C-alpha atoms as a PDB file:
ATOM      1  CA  MET A   1     104.732 104.563 100.441  1.00  0.00           C
ATOM      2  CA  SER A   2     102.039 102.083 101.488  1.00  0.00           C
ATOM      3  CA  ASN A   3     100.927 101.638 105.054  1.00  0.00           C
ATOM      4  CA  GLN A   4      97.693  99.650 104.890  1.00  0.00           C
ATOM      5  CA  ASN A   5      97.779  98.562 108.560  1.00  0.00           C
ATOM      6  CA  VAL A   6      97.539 102.060 110.010  1.00  0.00           C
ATOM      7  CA  TYR A   7      93.726 101.952 110.087  1.00  0.00           C
ATOM      8  CA  HIS A   8      91.998  99.788 112.677  1.00  0.00           C
ATOM      9  CA  GLY A   9      88.276 100.394 112.226  1.00  0.00           C
ATOM     10  CA  ARG A  10      86.083  98.030 110.254  1.00  0.00           C
ATOM     11  CA  GLN A  11      84.320 100.954 108.618  1.00  0.00           C
ATOM     12  CA  THR A  12      87.573 102.559 107.532  1.00  0.00           C
ATOM     13  CA  LYS A  13      88.822  99.313 105.999  1.00  0.00           C
ATOM     14  CA  ASP A  14      85.477  98.876 104.192  1.00  0.00           C
ATOM     15  CA  ILE A  15      85.744 102.407 102.775  1.00  0.00           C
ATOM     16  CA  VAL A  16      89.241 101.726 101.419  1.00  0.00           C
ATOM     17  CA  ALA A  17      87.948  98.482  99.818  1.00  0.00           C
ATOM     18  CA  HIS A  18      84.919 100.305  98.380  1.00  0.00           C
ATOM     19  CA  ILE A  19      87.062 103.034  96.796  1.00  0.00           C
ATOM     20  CA  ARG A  20      89.407 100.432  95.328  1.00  0.00           C
ATOM     21  CA  GLU A  21      86.547  98.447  93.852  1.00  0.00           C
ATOM     22  CA  HIS A  22      84.341 101.275  92.563  1.00  0.00           C
ATOM     23  CA  TYR A  23      86.920 103.855  91.480  1.00  0.00           C
ATOM     24  CA  GLU A  24      89.997 101.697  90.894  1.00  0.00           C
ATOM     25  CA  VAL A  25      92.003 104.030  93.083  1.00  0.00           C
ATOM     26  CA  GLU A  26      94.657 103.102  95.614  1.00  0.00           C
ATOM     27  CA  PRO A  27      95.309 105.118  98.793  1.00  0.00           C
ATOM     28  CA  GLU A  28      98.367 107.349  98.549  1.00  0.00           C
ATOM     29  CA  PHE A  29     100.364 107.876 101.725  1.00  0.00           C
ATOM     30  CA  LEU A  30     102.121 111.128 100.873  1.00  0.00           C
ATOM     31  CA  TRP A  31     103.567 112.204 104.189  1.00  0.00           C
ATOM     32  CA  GLU A  32     106.144 110.074 105.944  1.00  0.00           C
ATOM     33  CA  LYS A  33     105.716 112.277 109.024  1.00  0.00           C
ATOM     34  CA  TYR A  34     101.966 111.498 109.055  1.00  0.00           C
ATOM     35  CA  PRO A  35     101.572 107.780 108.396  1.00  0.00           C
ATOM     36  CA  GLY A  36      97.902 107.904 109.412  1.00  0.00           C
ATOM     37  CA  PHE A  37      96.987 110.164 106.488  1.00  0.00           C
ATOM     38  CA  CYS A  38      96.219 109.029 102.967  1.00  0.00           C
ATOM     39  CA  ILE A  39      94.463 110.577  99.993  1.00  0.00           C
ATOM     40  CA  PHE A  40      92.460 109.286  97.068  1.00  0.00           C
ATOM     41  CA  ARG A  41      92.581 111.006  93.680  1.00  0.00           C
ATOM     42  CA  ASN A  42      90.077 111.265  90.875  1.00  0.00           C
ATOM     43  CA  THR A  43      91.492 109.137  88.039  1.00  0.00           C
ATOM     44  CA  HIS A  44      90.724 111.727  85.365  1.00  0.00           C
ATOM     45  CA  ASN A  45      92.242 114.892  86.776  1.00  0.00           C
ATOM     46  CA  ARG A  46      94.307 113.593  89.750  1.00  0.00           C
ATOM     47  CA  LYS A  47      92.563 115.941  92.206  1.00  0.00           C
ATOM     48  CA  TRP A  48      91.853 114.635  95.704  1.00  0.00           C
ATOM     49  CA  PHE A  49      88.300 113.545  96.387  1.00  0.00           C
ATOM     50  CA  ALA A  50      88.930 112.005  99.818  1.00  0.00           C
ATOM     51  CA  LEU A  51      91.397 112.084 102.676  1.00  0.00           C
ATOM     52  CA  LEU A  52      91.486 109.399 105.362  1.00  0.00           C
ATOM     53  CA  ALA A  53      93.213 110.223 108.623  1.00  0.00           C
ATOM     54  CA  ARG A  54      93.851 108.847 112.068  1.00  0.00           C
ATOM     55  CA  ILE A  55      93.906 111.742 114.530  1.00  0.00           C
ATOM     56  CA  THR A  56      93.299 112.304 118.219  1.00  0.00           C
ATOM     57  CA  ALA A  57      89.718 112.719 119.290  1.00  0.00           C
ATOM     58  CA  ARG A  58      90.640 116.091 120.771  1.00  0.00           C
ATOM     59  CA  GLN A  59      91.975 117.286 117.393  1.00  0.00           C
ATOM     60  CA  LEU A  60      88.455 116.744 116.086  1.00  0.00           C
ATOM     61  CA  GLY A  61      87.005 118.676 119.016  1.00  0.00           C
ATOM     62  CA  LEU A  62      85.779 115.699 121.024  1.00  0.00           C
ATOM     63  CA  GLU A  63      86.140 115.703 124.788  1.00  0.00           C
ATOM     64  CA  ARG A  64      87.879 112.353 125.091  1.00  0.00           C
ATOM     65  CA  ASP A  65      91.299 110.753 124.759  1.00  0.00           C
ATOM     66  CA  GLY A  66      92.404 108.267 122.148  1.00  0.00           C
ATOM     67  CA  TYR A  67      92.425 108.158 118.380  1.00  0.00           C
ATOM     68  CA  VAL A  68      89.627 108.359 115.826  1.00  0.00           C
ATOM     69  CA  GLU A  69      89.522 107.717 112.119  1.00  0.00           C
ATOM     70  CA  ILE A  70      88.013 110.340 109.868  1.00  0.00           C
ATOM     71  CA  LEU A  71      87.186 110.857 106.210  1.00  0.00           C
ATOM     72  CA  ASN A  72      87.329 114.279 104.580  1.00  0.00           C
ATOM     73  CA  LEU A  73      85.089 114.667 101.534  1.00  0.00           C
ATOM     74  CA  ARG A  74      84.287 117.436  99.064  1.00  0.00           C
ATOM     75  CA  PHE A  75      80.743 118.722  99.409  1.00  0.00           C
ATOM     76  CA  ASP A  76      78.507 121.046  97.422  1.00  0.00           C
ATOM     77  CA  ARG A  77      79.939 124.565  97.287  1.00  0.00           C
ATOM     78  CA  GLY A  78      79.132 126.313 100.557  1.00  0.00           C
ATOM     79  CA  GLY A  79      76.860 123.493 101.729  1.00  0.00           C
ATOM     80  CA  ALA A  80      79.185 121.747 104.154  1.00  0.00           C
ATOM     81  CA  PRO A  81      78.504 123.997 107.194  1.00  0.00           C
ATOM     82  CA  ASP A  82      74.745 123.376 106.929  1.00  0.00           C
ATOM     83  CA  LEU A  83      75.217 119.619 106.867  1.00  0.00           C
ATOM     84  CA  VAL A  84      77.731 119.729 109.715  1.00  0.00           C
ATOM     85  CA  ALA A  85      75.248 121.683 111.847  1.00  0.00           C
ATOM     86  CA  THR A  86      72.542 119.002 111.455  1.00  0.00           C
ATOM     87  CA  ARG A  87      74.455 115.719 111.810  1.00  0.00           C
ATOM     88  CA  LYS A  88      76.257 114.159 114.768  1.00  0.00           C
ATOM     89  CA  ASN A  89      78.990 112.368 112.825  1.00  0.00           C
ATOM     90  CA  PHE A  90      79.859 115.367 110.636  1.00  0.00           C
ATOM     91  CA  PHE A  91      82.424 117.972 111.610  1.00  0.00           C
ATOM     92  CA  PRO A  92      83.978 121.036 109.994  1.00  0.00           C
ATOM     93  CA  ALA A  93      86.632 119.801 107.602  1.00  0.00           C
ATOM     94  CA  TYR A  94      89.887 118.870 109.297  1.00  0.00           C
ATOM     95  CA  HIS A  95      92.653 120.918 107.595  1.00  0.00           C
ATOM     96  CA  MET A  96      90.508 121.681 104.514  1.00  0.00           C
ATOM     97  CA  ASN A  97      88.212 124.472 103.344  1.00  0.00           C
ATOM     98  CA  LYS A  98      85.308 124.247 105.774  1.00  0.00           C
ATOM     99  CA  ASN A  99      82.787 125.653 103.278  1.00  0.00           C
ATOM    100  CA  ASN A 100      83.436 123.011 100.625  1.00  0.00           C
ATOM    101  CA  TRP A 101      84.720 120.007 102.581  1.00  0.00           C
ATOM    102  CA  LEU A 102      83.410 118.140 105.603  1.00  0.00           C
ATOM    103  CA  THR A 103      84.784 115.524 107.969  1.00  0.00           C
ATOM    104  CA  VAL A 104      82.959 112.288 108.715  1.00  0.00           C
ATOM    105  CA  LEU A 105      83.778 110.506 111.966  1.00  0.00           C
ATOM    106  CA  LEU A 106      84.219 106.809 111.135  1.00  0.00           C
ATOM    107  CA  ASP A 107      82.951 105.184 114.319  1.00  0.00           C
ATOM    108  CA  GLY A 108      80.401 102.806 112.812  1.00  0.00           C
ATOM    109  CA  LYS A 109      77.384 104.897 113.827  1.00  0.00           C
ATOM    110  CA  MET A 110      76.717 105.958 110.246  1.00  0.00           C
ATOM    111  CA  LYS A 111      75.628 103.470 107.608  1.00  0.00           C
ATOM    112  CA  ASP A 112      78.317 102.553 105.101  1.00  0.00           C
ATOM    113  CA  GLU A 113      75.888 103.145 102.218  1.00  0.00           C
ATOM    114  CA  GLU A 114      75.368 106.749 103.311  1.00  0.00           C
ATOM    115  CA  ILE A 115      79.134 107.300 103.419  1.00  0.00           C
ATOM    116  CA  PHE A 116      79.489 105.650  99.989  1.00  0.00           C
ATOM    117  CA  GLU A 117      76.962 108.170  98.588  1.00  0.00           C
ATOM    118  CA  LEU A 118      78.999 111.028 100.026  1.00  0.00           C
ATOM    119  CA  ILE A 119      82.164 109.538  98.476  1.00  0.00           C
ATOM    120  CA  GLU A 120      80.418 109.351  95.080  1.00  0.00           C
ATOM    121  CA  ASN A 121      79.304 112.975  95.427  1.00  0.00           C
ATOM    122  CA  SER A 122      82.853 114.058  96.273  1.00  0.00           C
ATOM    123  CA  TYR A 123      84.308 112.094  93.340  1.00  0.00           C
ATOM    124  CA  VAL A 124      81.846 113.691  90.914  1.00  0.00           C
ATOM    125  CA  LEU A 125      82.340 117.197  92.275  1.00  0.00           C
ATOM    126  CA  ILE A 126      86.123 116.930  91.965  1.00  0.00           C
ATOM    127  CA  GLY A 127      85.781 115.414  88.509  1.00  0.00           C
ATOM    128  CA  VAL A 128      83.826 118.360  87.131  1.00  0.00           C
ATOM    129  CA  GLY A 129      86.381 120.850  88.449  1.00  0.00           C
ATOM    130  CA  GLU A 130      84.366 122.336  91.290  1.00  0.00           C
END
């Protein structure tokens, strides 16, 4: 299944393009019931290193209506809660282990380069079997 038009944000589209270019990985839309969710897998072991999702702002814990786009990434073992506590655009991982994964709100307030570094970290962590 491929549903490339589900994401609306410039930053989200840039992240998909970055992952394609740097990791040669295509988004996988695994759930017909959830067309706004896709995953990216490490090419060596097929484990997920990122999940993109379009969810309601309230599902993320924000006090507003409408949809937001998020990126779940693997983080250093047990380090995700500390990072979440210190950054505005970081949240406890949506539907993932909150100690080892974090959620990044893709609203353009964070620099793409910083997100790209987090993606690289996630890819490497998954690749070494963390």
